[in-house]
Amino acid sequence: YRDILGFNVIETKTIQSTAFNNLMNIE
């Protein structure tokens, strides 16, 4: 997506949270 199709990265992050887990239905 970045190197061949030419999209620009506008934000990167790593998260670990109960709220995200709940949103994705991951226990």
mmCIF file of all heavy atoms, coordinates in Angstrom:
data_MODEL
# 
_entry.id   MODEL 
# 
loop_
_atom_site.group_PDB 
_atom_site.id 
_atom_site.type_symbol 
_atom_site.label_atom_id 
_atom_site.label_alt_id 
_atom_site.label_comp_id 
_atom_site.label_asym_id 
_atom_site.label_entity_id 
_atom_site.label_seq_id 
_atom_site.pdbx_PDB_ins_code 
_atom_site.Cartn_x 
_atom_site.Cartn_y 
_atom_site.Cartn_z 
_atom_site.occupancy 
_atom_site.B_iso_or_equiv 
_atom_site.pdbx_formal_charge 
_atom_site.auth_seq_id 
_atom_site.auth_comp_id 
_atom_site.auth_asym_id 
_atom_site.auth_atom_id 
_atom_site.pdbx_PDB_model_num 
ATOM 1   N N   . TYR A 1 1  ? 0.803   -1.220  0.000  1.00 0.00 ? 1  TYR A N   1 
ATOM 2   C CA  . TYR A 1 1  ? 0.000   0.000   0.000  1.00 0.00 ? 1  TYR A CA  1 
ATOM 3   C C   . TYR A 1 1  ? 0.843   1.281   0.000  1.00 0.00 ? 1  TYR A C   1 
ATOM 4   O O   . TYR A 1 1  ? 0.507   2.246   -0.679 1.00 0.00 ? 1  TYR A O   1 
ATOM 5   C CB  . TYR A 1 1  ? -0.981  -0.001  1.182  1.00 0.00 ? 1  TYR A CB  1 
ATOM 6   C CG  . TYR A 1 1  ? -2.056  -1.037  0.994  1.00 0.00 ? 1  TYR A CG  1 
ATOM 7   C CD1 . TYR A 1 1  ? -1.946  -2.295  1.581  1.00 0.00 ? 1  TYR A CD1 1 
ATOM 8   C CD2 . TYR A 1 1  ? -3.158  -0.792  0.192  1.00 0.00 ? 1  TYR A CD2 1 
ATOM 9   C CE1 . TYR A 1 1  ? -2.918  -3.266  1.388  1.00 0.00 ? 1  TYR A CE1 1 
ATOM 10  C CE2 . TYR A 1 1  ? -4.135  -1.752  -0.012 1.00 0.00 ? 1  TYR A CE2 1 
ATOM 11  C CZ  . TYR A 1 1  ? -4.009  -2.984  0.582  1.00 0.00 ? 1  TYR A CZ  1 
ATOM 12  O OH  . TYR A 1 1  ? -4.970  -3.948  0.383  1.00 0.00 ? 1  TYR A OH  1 
ATOM 13  N N   . ARG A 1 2  ? 1.942   1.290   0.716  1.00 0.00 ? 2  ARG A N   1 
ATOM 14  C CA  . ARG A 1 2  ? 2.802   2.474   0.774  1.00 0.00 ? 2  ARG A CA  1 
ATOM 15  C C   . ARG A 1 2  ? 3.815   2.473   -0.361 1.00 0.00 ? 2  ARG A C   1 
ATOM 16  O O   . ARG A 1 2  ? 3.903   3.434   -1.125 1.00 0.00 ? 2  ARG A O   1 
ATOM 17  C CB  . ARG A 1 2  ? 3.527   2.510   2.126  1.00 0.00 ? 2  ARG A CB  1 
ATOM 18  C CG  . ARG A 1 2  ? 4.464   3.699   2.307  1.00 0.00 ? 2  ARG A CG  1 
ATOM 19  C CD  . ARG A 1 2  ? 5.376   3.507   3.506  1.00 0.00 ? 2  ARG A CD  1 
ATOM 20  N NE  . ARG A 1 2  ? 6.158   2.284   3.374  1.00 0.00 ? 2  ARG A NE  1 
ATOM 21  C CZ  . ARG A 1 2  ? 6.591   1.539   4.394  1.00 0.00 ? 2  ARG A CZ  1 
ATOM 22  N NH1 . ARG A 1 2  ? 6.327   1.904   5.636  1.00 0.00 ? 2  ARG A NH1 1 
ATOM 23  N NH2 . ARG A 1 2  ? 7.293   0.445   4.188  1.00 0.00 ? 2  ARG A NH2 1 
ATOM 24  N N   . ASP A 1 3  ? 4.570   1.377   -0.492 1.00 0.00 ? 3  ASP A N   1 
ATOM 25  C CA  . ASP A 1 3  ? 5.723   1.368   -1.388 1.00 0.00 ? 3  ASP A CA  1 
ATOM 26  C C   . ASP A 1 3  ? 5.374   1.159   -2.861 1.00 0.00 ? 3  ASP A C   1 
ATOM 27  O O   . ASP A 1 3  ? 6.087   1.650   -3.730 1.00 0.00 ? 3  ASP A O   1 
ATOM 28  C CB  . ASP A 1 3  ? 6.725   0.296   -0.944 1.00 0.00 ? 3  ASP A CB  1 
ATOM 29  C CG  . ASP A 1 3  ? 7.195   0.503   0.495  1.00 0.00 ? 3  ASP A CG  1 
ATOM 30  O OD1 . ASP A 1 3  ? 7.063   1.631   1.014  1.00 0.00 ? 3  ASP A OD1 1 
ATOM 31  O OD2 . ASP A 1 3  ? 7.674   -0.471  1.100  1.00 0.00 ? 3  ASP A OD2 1 
ATOM 32  N N   . ILE A 1 4  ? 4.299   0.426   -3.155 1.00 0.00 ? 4  ILE A N   1 
ATOM 33  C CA  . ILE A 1 4  ? 3.933   0.177   -4.556 1.00 0.00 ? 4  ILE A CA  1 
ATOM 34  C C   . ILE A 1 4  ? 2.761   1.055   -4.986 1.00 0.00 ? 4  ILE A C   1 
ATOM 35  O O   . ILE A 1 4  ? 2.795   1.672   -6.048 1.00 0.00 ? 4  ILE A O   1 
ATOM 36  C CB  . ILE A 1 4  ? 3.616   -1.318  -4.792 1.00 0.00 ? 4  ILE A CB  1 
ATOM 37  C CG1 . ILE A 1 4  ? 4.854   -2.174  -4.491 1.00 0.00 ? 4  ILE A CG1 1 
ATOM 38  C CG2 . ILE A 1 4  ? 3.131   -1.544  -6.225 1.00 0.00 ? 4  ILE A CG2 1 
ATOM 39  C CD1 . ILE A 1 4  ? 4.606   -3.672  -4.549 1.00 0.00 ? 4  ILE A CD1 1 
ATOM 40  N N   . LEU A 1 5  ? 1.715   1.126   -4.186 1.00 0.00 ? 5  LEU A N   1 
ATOM 41  C CA  . LEU A 1 5  ? 0.524   1.891   -4.566 1.00 0.00 ? 5  LEU A CA  1 
ATOM 42  C C   . LEU A 1 5  ? 0.621   3.365   -4.201 1.00 0.00 ? 5  LEU A C   1 
ATOM 43  O O   . LEU A 1 5  ? -0.205  4.167   -4.631 1.00 0.00 ? 5  LEU A O   1 
ATOM 44  C CB  . LEU A 1 5  ? -0.725  1.267   -3.939 1.00 0.00 ? 5  LEU A CB  1 
ATOM 45  C CG  . LEU A 1 5  ? -1.007  -0.179  -4.370 1.00 0.00 ? 5  LEU A CG  1 
ATOM 46  C CD1 . LEU A 1 5  ? -2.245  -0.710  -3.666 1.00 0.00 ? 5  LEU A CD1 1 
ATOM 47  C CD2 . LEU A 1 5  ? -1.154  -0.289  -5.882 1.00 0.00 ? 5  LEU A CD2 1 
ATOM 48  N N   . GLY A 1 6  ? 1.614   3.754   -3.404 1.00 0.00 ? 6  GLY A N   1 
ATOM 49  C CA  . GLY A 1 6  ? 1.905   5.162   -3.162 1.00 0.00 ? 6  GLY A CA  1 
ATOM 50  C C   . GLY A 1 6  ? 1.097   5.857   -2.092 1.00 0.00 ? 6  GLY A C   1 
ATOM 51  O O   . GLY A 1 6  ? 1.076   7.090   -2.024 1.00 0.00 ? 6  GLY A O   1 
ATOM 52  N N   . PHE A 1 7  ? 0.447   5.105   -1.201 1.00 0.00 ? 7  PHE A N   1 
ATOM 53  C CA  . PHE A 1 7  ? -0.277  5.738   -0.106 1.00 0.00 ? 7  PHE A CA  1 
ATOM 54  C C   . PHE A 1 7  ? 0.718   6.328   0.890  1.00 0.00 ? 7  PHE A C   1 
ATOM 55  O O   . PHE A 1 7  ? 1.808   5.799   1.082  1.00 0.00 ? 7  PHE A O   1 
ATOM 56  C CB  . PHE A 1 7  ? -1.173  4.721   0.613  1.00 0.00 ? 7  PHE A CB  1 
ATOM 57  C CG  . PHE A 1 7  ? -2.465  4.453   -0.096 1.00 0.00 ? 7  PHE A CG  1 
ATOM 58  C CD1 . PHE A 1 7  ? -2.513  3.614   -1.185 1.00 0.00 ? 7  PHE A CD1 1 
ATOM 59  C CD2 . PHE A 1 7  ? -3.646  5.047   0.344  1.00 0.00 ? 7  PHE A CD2 1 
ATOM 60  C CE1 . PHE A 1 7  ? -3.701  3.361   -1.844 1.00 0.00 ? 7  PHE A CE1 1 
ATOM 61  C CE2 . PHE A 1 7  ? -4.841  4.798   -0.303 1.00 0.00 ? 7  PHE A CE2 1 
ATOM 62  C CZ  . PHE A 1 7  ? -4.866  3.961   -1.400 1.00 0.00 ? 7  PHE A CZ  1 
ATOM 63  N N   . ASN A 1 8  ? 0.330   7.423   1.525  1.00 0.00 ? 8  ASN A N   1 
ATOM 64  C CA  . ASN A 1 8  ? 1.159   8.072   2.533  1.00 0.00 ? 8  ASN A CA  1 
ATOM 65  C C   . ASN A 1 8  ? 0.721   7.636   3.925  1.00 0.00 ? 8  ASN A C   1 
ATOM 66  O O   . ASN A 1 8  ? -0.473  7.608   4.223  1.00 0.00 ? 8  ASN A O   1 
ATOM 67  C CB  . ASN A 1 8  ? 1.039   9.597   2.436  1.00 0.00 ? 8  ASN A CB  1 
ATOM 68  C CG  . ASN A 1 8  ? 1.530   10.115  1.109  1.00 0.00 ? 8  ASN A CG  1 
ATOM 69  O OD1 . ASN A 1 8  ? 2.617   9.764   0.661  1.00 0.00 ? 8  ASN A OD1 1 
ATOM 70  N ND2 . ASN A 1 8  ? 0.722   10.933  0.467  1.00 0.00 ? 8  ASN A ND2 1 
ATOM 71  N N   . VAL A 1 9  ? 1.695   7.328   4.774  1.00 0.00 ? 9  VAL A N   1 
ATOM 72  C CA  . VAL A 1 9  ? 1.405   6.993   6.161  1.00 0.00 ? 9  VAL A CA  1 
ATOM 73  C C   . VAL A 1 9  ? 1.119   8.294   6.895  1.00 0.00 ? 9  VAL A C   1 
ATOM 74  O O   . VAL A 1 9  ? 1.934   9.214   6.874  1.00 0.00 ? 9  VAL A O   1 
ATOM 75  C CB  . VAL A 1 9  ? 2.596   6.254   6.822  1.00 0.00 ? 9  VAL A CB  1 
ATOM 76  C CG1 . VAL A 1 9  ? 2.352   6.049   8.308  1.00 0.00 ? 9  VAL A CG1 1 
ATOM 77  C CG2 . VAL A 1 9  ? 2.859   4.932   6.120  1.00 0.00 ? 9  VAL A CG2 1 
ATOM 78  N N   . ILE A 1 10 ? -0.059  8.358   7.542  1.00 0.00 ? 10 ILE A N   1 
ATOM 79  C CA  . ILE A 1 10 ? -0.398  9.578   8.280  1.00 0.00 ? 10 ILE A CA  1 
ATOM 80  C C   . ILE A 1 10 ? -0.407  9.367   9.787  1.00 0.00 ? 10 ILE A C   1 
ATOM 81  O O   . ILE A 1 10 ? -0.337  10.325  10.540 1.00 0.00 ? 10 ILE A O   1 
ATOM 82  C CB  . ILE A 1 10 ? -1.731  10.198  7.809  1.00 0.00 ? 10 ILE A CB  1 
ATOM 83  C CG1 . ILE A 1 10 ? -2.882  9.220   7.959  1.00 0.00 ? 10 ILE A CG1 1 
ATOM 84  C CG2 . ILE A 1 10 ? -1.607  10.701  6.390  1.00 0.00 ? 10 ILE A CG2 1 
ATOM 85  C CD1 . ILE A 1 10 ? -4.242  9.850   7.739  1.00 0.00 ? 10 ILE A CD1 1 
ATOM 86  N N   . GLU A 1 11 ? -0.475  8.099   10.216 1.00 0.00 ? 11 GLU A N   1 
ATOM 87  C CA  . GLU A 1 11 ? -0.400  7.821   11.654 1.00 0.00 ? 11 GLU A CA  1 
ATOM 88  C C   . GLU A 1 11 ? -0.134  6.337   11.859 1.00 0.00 ? 11 GLU A C   1 
ATOM 89  O O   . GLU A 1 11 ? -0.665  5.501   11.139 1.00 0.00 ? 11 GLU A O   1 
ATOM 90  C CB  . GLU A 1 11 ? -1.720  8.188   12.347 1.00 0.00 ? 11 GLU A CB  1 
ATOM 91  C CG  . GLU A 1 11 ? -1.699  7.979   13.848 1.00 0.00 ? 11 GLU A CG  1 
ATOM 92  C CD  . GLU A 1 11 ? -3.018  8.342   14.524 1.00 0.00 ? 11 GLU A CD  1 
ATOM 93  O OE1 . GLU A 1 11 ? -3.863  9.006   13.915 1.00 0.00 ? 11 GLU A OE1 1 
ATOM 94  O OE2 . GLU A 1 11 ? -3.182  7.939   15.690 1.00 0.00 ? 11 GLU A OE2 1 
ATOM 95  N N   . THR A 1 12 ? 0.701   6.034   12.842 1.00 0.00 ? 12 THR A N   1 
ATOM 96  C CA  . THR A 1 12 ? 0.923   4.654   13.271 1.00 0.00 ? 12 THR A CA  1 
ATOM 97  C C   . THR A 1 12 ? 0.853   4.615   14.785 1.00 0.00 ? 12 THR A C   1 
ATOM 98  O O   . THR A 1 12 ? 1.203   5.594   15.458 1.00 0.00 ? 12 THR A O   1 
ATOM 99  C CB  . THR A 1 12 ? 2.287   4.091   12.822 1.00 0.00 ? 12 THR A CB  1 
ATOM 100 O OG1 . THR A 1 12 ? 3.325   4.891   13.368 1.00 0.00 ? 12 THR A OG1 1 
ATOM 101 C CG2 . THR A 1 12 ? 2.403   4.046   11.309 1.00 0.00 ? 12 THR A CG2 1 
ATOM 102 N N   . LYS A 1 13 ? 0.383   3.498   15.310 1.00 0.00 ? 13 LYS A N   1 
ATOM 103 C CA  . LYS A 1 13 ? 0.338   3.345   16.757 1.00 0.00 ? 13 LYS A CA  1 
ATOM 104 C C   . LYS A 1 13 ? 0.133   1.880   17.092 1.00 0.00 ? 13 LYS A C   1 
ATOM 105 O O   . LYS A 1 13 ? -0.280  1.079   16.251 1.00 0.00 ? 13 LYS A O   1 
ATOM 106 C CB  . LYS A 1 13 ? -0.771  4.190   17.377 1.00 0.00 ? 13 LYS A CB  1 
ATOM 107 C CG  . LYS A 1 13 ? -2.166  3.867   16.873 1.00 0.00 ? 13 LYS A CG  1 
ATOM 108 C CD  . LYS A 1 13 ? -3.170  4.860   17.434 1.00 0.00 ? 13 LYS A CD  1 
ATOM 109 C CE  . LYS A 1 13 ? -4.539  4.701   16.796 1.00 0.00 ? 13 LYS A CE  1 
ATOM 110 N NZ  . LYS A 1 13 ? -5.473  5.724   17.247 1.00 0.00 ? 13 LYS A NZ  1 
ATOM 111 N N   . THR A 1 14 ? 0.445   1.542   18.322 1.00 0.00 ? 14 THR A N   1 
ATOM 112 C CA  . THR A 1 14 ? 0.164   0.215   18.865 1.00 0.00 ? 14 THR A CA  1 
ATOM 113 C C   . THR A 1 14 ? -0.677  0.424   20.112 1.00 0.00 ? 14 THR A C   1 
ATOM 114 O O   . THR A 1 14 ? -0.342  1.269   20.945 1.00 0.00 ? 14 THR A O   1 
ATOM 115 C CB  . THR A 1 14 ? 1.466   -0.527  19.225 1.00 0.00 ? 14 THR A CB  1 
ATOM 116 O OG1 . THR A 1 14 ? 2.264   -0.669  18.047 1.00 0.00 ? 14 THR A OG1 1 
ATOM 117 C CG2 . THR A 1 14 ? 1.169   -1.902  19.807 1.00 0.00 ? 14 THR A CG2 1 
ATOM 118 N N   . ILE A 1 15 ? -1.767  -0.320  20.210 1.00 0.00 ? 15 ILE A N   1 
ATOM 119 C CA  . ILE A 1 15 ? -2.621  -0.193  21.385 1.00 0.00 ? 15 ILE A CA  1 
ATOM 120 C C   . ILE A 1 15 ? -2.880  -1.562  21.998 1.00 0.00 ? 15 ILE A C   1 
ATOM 121 O O   . ILE A 1 15 ? -2.854  -2.584  21.312 1.00 0.00 ? 15 ILE A O   1 
ATOM 122 C CB  . ILE A 1 15 ? -3.959  0.519   21.089 1.00 0.00 ? 15 ILE A CB  1 
ATOM 123 C CG1 . ILE A 1 15 ? -4.787  -0.247  20.050 1.00 0.00 ? 15 ILE A CG1 1 
ATOM 124 C CG2 . ILE A 1 15 ? -3.748  1.943   20.669 1.00 0.00 ? 15 ILE A CG2 1 
ATOM 125 C CD1 . ILE A 1 15 ? -6.173  0.342   19.852 1.00 0.00 ? 15 ILE A CD1 1 
ATOM 126 N N   . GLN A 1 16 ? -3.072  -1.548  23.288 1.00 0.00 ? 16 GLN A N   1 
ATOM 127 C CA  . GLN A 1 16 ? -3.456  -2.744  24.036 1.00 0.00 ? 16 GLN A CA  1 
ATOM 128 C C   . GLN A 1 16 ? -4.423  -2.261  25.101 1.00 0.00 ? 16 GLN A C   1 
ATOM 129 O O   . GLN A 1 16 ? -4.019  -1.614  26.055 1.00 0.00 ? 16 GLN A O   1 
ATOM 130 C CB  . GLN A 1 16 ? -2.238  -3.424  24.669 1.00 0.00 ? 16 GLN A CB  1 
ATOM 131 C CG  . GLN A 1 16 ? -2.597  -4.724  25.356 1.00 0.00 ? 16 GLN A CG  1 
ATOM 132 C CD  . GLN A 1 16 ? -1.350  -5.474  25.832 1.00 0.00 ? 16 GLN A CD  1 
ATOM 133 O OE1 . GLN A 1 16 ? -0.231  -4.981  25.767 1.00 0.00 ? 16 GLN A OE1 1 
ATOM 134 N NE2 . GLN A 1 16 ? -1.568  -6.674  26.312 1.00 0.00 ? 16 GLN A NE2 1 
ATOM 135 N N   . SER A 1 17 ? -5.717  -2.534  24.870 1.00 0.00 ? 17 SER A N   1 
ATOM 136 C CA  . SER A 1 17 ? -6.709  -2.033  25.815 1.00 0.00 ? 17 SER A CA  1 
ATOM 137 C C   . SER A 1 17 ? -7.934  -2.933  25.849 1.00 0.00 ? 17 SER A C   1 
ATOM 138 O O   . SER A 1 17 ? -8.291  -3.557  24.858 1.00 0.00 ? 17 SER A O   1 
ATOM 139 C CB  . SER A 1 17 ? -7.132  -0.608  25.450 1.00 0.00 ? 17 SER A CB  1 
ATOM 140 O OG  . SER A 1 17 ? -7.981  -0.610  24.331 1.00 0.00 ? 17 SER A OG  1 
ATOM 141 N N   . THR A 1 18 ? -8.569  -2.941  26.985 1.00 0.00 ? 18 THR A N   1 
ATOM 142 C CA  . THR A 1 18 ? -9.816  -3.686  27.150 1.00 0.00 ? 18 THR A CA  1 
ATOM 143 C C   . THR A 1 18 ? -10.892 -3.118  26.237 1.00 0.00 ? 18 THR A C   1 
ATOM 144 O O   . THR A 1 18 ? -11.683 -3.862  25.658 1.00 0.00 ? 18 THR A O   1 
ATOM 145 C CB  . THR A 1 18 ? -10.271 -3.635  28.620 1.00 0.00 ? 18 THR A CB  1 
ATOM 146 O OG1 . THR A 1 18 ? -9.225  -4.162  29.434 1.00 0.00 ? 18 THR A OG1 1 
ATOM 147 C CG2 . THR A 1 18 ? -11.536 -4.436  28.833 1.00 0.00 ? 18 THR A CG2 1 
ATOM 148 N N   . ALA A 1 19 ? -10.921 -1.795  26.077 1.00 0.00 ? 19 ALA A N   1 
ATOM 149 C CA  . ALA A 1 19 ? -11.933 -1.160  25.227 1.00 0.00 ? 19 ALA A CA  1 
ATOM 150 C C   . ALA A 1 19 ? -11.811 -1.655  23.790 1.00 0.00 ? 19 ALA A C   1 
ATOM 151 O O   . ALA A 1 19 ? -12.813 -1.973  23.147 1.00 0.00 ? 19 ALA A O   1 
ATOM 152 C CB  . ALA A 1 19 ? -11.789 0.357   25.288 1.00 0.00 ? 19 ALA A CB  1 
ATOM 153 N N   . PHE A 1 20 ? -10.575 -1.731  23.265 1.00 0.00 ? 20 PHE A N   1 
ATOM 154 C CA  . PHE A 1 20 ? -10.389 -2.238  21.905 1.00 0.00 ? 20 PHE A CA  1 
ATOM 155 C C   . PHE A 1 20 ? -10.799 -3.699  21.828 1.00 0.00 ? 20 PHE A C   1 
ATOM 156 O O   . PHE A 1 20 ? -11.478 -4.110  20.885 1.00 0.00 ? 20 PHE A O   1 
ATOM 157 C CB  . PHE A 1 20 ? -8.936  -2.081  21.448 1.00 0.00 ? 20 PHE A CB  1 
ATOM 158 C CG  . PHE A 1 20 ? -8.724  -2.654  20.062 1.00 0.00 ? 20 PHE A CG  1 
ATOM 159 C CD1 . PHE A 1 20 ? -9.047  -1.912  18.946 1.00 0.00 ? 20 PHE A CD1 1 
ATOM 160 C CD2 . PHE A 1 20 ? -8.243  -3.949  19.898 1.00 0.00 ? 20 PHE A CD2 1 
ATOM 161 C CE1 . PHE A 1 20 ? -8.885  -2.440  17.667 1.00 0.00 ? 20 PHE A CE1 1 
ATOM 162 C CE2 . PHE A 1 20 ? -8.079  -4.480  18.633 1.00 0.00 ? 20 PHE A CE2 1 
ATOM 163 C CZ  . PHE A 1 20 ? -8.398  -3.725  17.516 1.00 0.00 ? 20 PHE A CZ  1 
ATOM 164 N N   . ASN A 1 21 ? -10.384 -4.483  22.801 1.00 0.00 ? 21 ASN A N   1 
ATOM 165 C CA  . ASN A 1 21 ? -10.755 -5.903  22.811 1.00 0.00 ? 21 ASN A CA  1 
ATOM 166 C C   . ASN A 1 21 ? -12.263 -6.068  22.772 1.00 0.00 ? 21 ASN A C   1 
ATOM 167 O O   . ASN A 1 21 ? -12.790 -6.913  22.041 1.00 0.00 ? 21 ASN A O   1 
ATOM 168 C CB  . ASN A 1 21 ? -10.177 -6.608  24.030 1.00 0.00 ? 21 ASN A CB  1 
ATOM 169 C CG  . ASN A 1 21 ? -8.669  -6.715  23.975 1.00 0.00 ? 21 ASN A CG  1 
ATOM 170 O OD1 . ASN A 1 21 ? -8.034  -6.291  23.029 1.00 0.00 ? 21 ASN A OD1 1 
ATOM 171 N ND2 . ASN A 1 21 ? -8.089  -7.273  25.018 1.00 0.00 ? 21 ASN A ND2 1 
ATOM 172 N N   . ASN A 1 22 ? -12.985 -5.262  23.555 1.00 0.00 ? 22 ASN A N   1 
ATOM 173 C CA  . ASN A 1 22 ? -14.443 -5.324  23.553 1.00 0.00 ? 22 ASN A CA  1 
ATOM 174 C C   . ASN A 1 22 ? -15.001 -4.943  22.191 1.00 0.00 ? 22 ASN A C   1 
ATOM 175 O O   . ASN A 1 22 ? -15.947 -5.569  21.706 1.00 0.00 ? 22 ASN A O   1 
ATOM 176 C CB  . ASN A 1 22 ? -15.030 -4.423  24.641 1.00 0.00 ? 22 ASN A CB  1 
ATOM 177 C CG  . ASN A 1 22 ? -14.743 -4.939  26.037 1.00 0.00 ? 22 ASN A CG  1 
ATOM 178 O OD1 . ASN A 1 22 ? -14.468 -6.112  26.237 1.00 0.00 ? 22 ASN A OD1 1 
ATOM 179 N ND2 . ASN A 1 22 ? -14.791 -4.040  27.007 1.00 0.00 ? 22 ASN A ND2 1 
ATOM 180 N N   . LEU A 1 23 ? -14.433 -3.928  21.575 1.00 0.00 ? 23 LEU A N   1 
ATOM 181 C CA  . LEU A 1 23 ? -14.882 -3.477  20.262 1.00 0.00 ? 23 LEU A CA  1 
ATOM 182 C C   . LEU A 1 23 ? -14.705 -4.568  19.204 1.00 0.00 ? 23 LEU A C   1 
ATOM 183 O O   . LEU A 1 23 ? -15.517 -4.717  18.308 1.00 0.00 ? 23 LEU A O   1 
ATOM 184 C CB  . LEU A 1 23 ? -14.112 -2.215  19.858 1.00 0.00 ? 23 LEU A CB  1 
ATOM 185 C CG  . LEU A 1 23 ? -14.481 -1.559  18.547 1.00 0.00 ? 23 LEU A CG  1 
ATOM 186 C CD1 . LEU A 1 23 ? -15.918 -1.056  18.576 1.00 0.00 ? 23 LEU A CD1 1 
ATOM 187 C CD2 . LEU A 1 23 ? -13.528 -0.414  18.256 1.00 0.00 ? 23 LEU A CD2 1 
ATOM 188 N N   . MET A 1 24 ? -13.646 -5.352  19.323 1.00 0.00 ? 24 MET A N   1 
ATOM 189 C CA  . MET A 1 24 ? -13.354 -6.410  18.357 1.00 0.00 ? 24 MET A CA  1 
ATOM 190 C C   . MET A 1 24 ? -13.876 -7.775  18.794 1.00 0.00 ? 24 MET A C   1 
ATOM 191 O O   . MET A 1 24 ? -13.656 -8.768  18.119 1.00 0.00 ? 24 MET A O   1 
ATOM 192 C CB  . MET A 1 24 ? -11.833 -6.516  18.135 1.00 0.00 ? 24 MET A CB  1 
ATOM 193 C CG  . MET A 1 24 ? -11.224 -5.311  17.480 1.00 0.00 ? 24 MET A CG  1 
ATOM 194 S SD  . MET A 1 24 ? -11.735 -5.129  15.764 1.00 0.00 ? 24 MET A SD  1 
ATOM 195 C CE  . MET A 1 24 ? -12.684 -3.639  15.858 1.00 0.00 ? 24 MET A CE  1 
ATOM 196 N N   . ASN A 1 25 ? -14.539 -7.808  19.955 1.00 0.00 ? 25 ASN A N   1 
ATOM 197 C CA  . ASN A 1 25 ? -15.080 -9.064  20.498 1.00 0.00 ? 25 ASN A CA  1 
ATOM 198 C C   . ASN A 1 25 ? -13.963 -10.099 20.706 1.00 0.00 ? 25 ASN A C   1 
ATOM 199 O O   . ASN A 1 25 ? -14.092 -11.268 20.355 1.00 0.00 ? 25 ASN A O   1 
ATOM 200 C CB  . ASN A 1 25 ? -16.186 -9.620  19.592 1.00 0.00 ? 25 ASN A CB  1 
ATOM 201 C CG  . ASN A 1 25 ? -17.011 -10.672 20.289 1.00 0.00 ? 25 ASN A CG  1 
ATOM 202 O OD1 . ASN A 1 25 ? -17.095 -10.695 21.520 1.00 0.00 ? 25 ASN A OD1 1 
ATOM 203 N ND2 . ASN A 1 25 ? -17.601 -11.563 19.524 1.00 0.00 ? 25 ASN A ND2 1 
ATOM 204 N N   . ILE A 1 26 ? -12.859 -9.639  21.285 1.00 0.00 ? 26 ILE A N   1 
ATOM 205 C CA  . ILE A 1 26 ? -11.705 -10.495 21.566 1.00 0.00 ? 26 ILE A CA  1 
ATOM 206 C C   . ILE A 1 26 ? -11.565 -10.611 23.080 1.00 0.00 ? 26 ILE A C   1 
ATOM 207 O O   . ILE A 1 26 ? -11.529 -9.604  23.784 1.00 0.00 ? 26 ILE A O   1 
ATOM 208 C CB  . ILE A 1 26 ? -10.415 -9.924  20.947 1.00 0.00 ? 26 ILE A CB  1 
ATOM 209 C CG1 . ILE A 1 26 ? -10.533 -9.945  19.417 1.00 0.00 ? 26 ILE A CG1 1 
ATOM 210 C CG2 . ILE A 1 26 ? -9.190  -10.701 21.410 1.00 0.00 ? 26 ILE A CG2 1 
ATOM 211 C CD1 . ILE A 1 26 ? -9.387  -9.287  18.699 1.00 0.00 ? 26 ILE A CD1 1 
ATOM 212 N N   . GLU A 1 27 ? -11.488 -11.832 23.563 1.00 0.00 ? 27 GLU A N   1 
ATOM 213 C CA  . GLU A 1 27 ? -11.397 -12.068 25.012 1.00 0.00 ? 27 GLU A CA  1 
ATOM 214 C C   . GLU A 1 27 ? -9.980  -12.464 25.425 1.00 0.00 ? 27 GLU A C   1 
ATOM 215 O O   . GLU A 1 27 ? -9.791  -13.315 26.276 1.00 0.00 ? 27 GLU A O   1 
ATOM 216 C CB  . GLU A 1 27 ? -12.400 -13.147 25.414 1.00 0.00 ? 27 GLU A CB  1 
ATOM 217 C CG  . GLU A 1 27 ? -13.837 -12.731 25.191 1.00 0.00 ? 27 GLU A CG  1 
ATOM 218 C CD  . GLU A 1 27 ? -14.823 -13.819 25.554 1.00 0.00 ? 27 GLU A CD  1 
ATOM 219 O OE1 . GLU A 1 27 ? -14.409 -14.854 26.133 1.00 0.00 ? 27 GLU A OE1 1 
ATOM 220 O OE2 . GLU A 1 27 ? -16.014 -13.634 25.249 1.00 0.00 ? 27 GLU A OE2 1 
# 
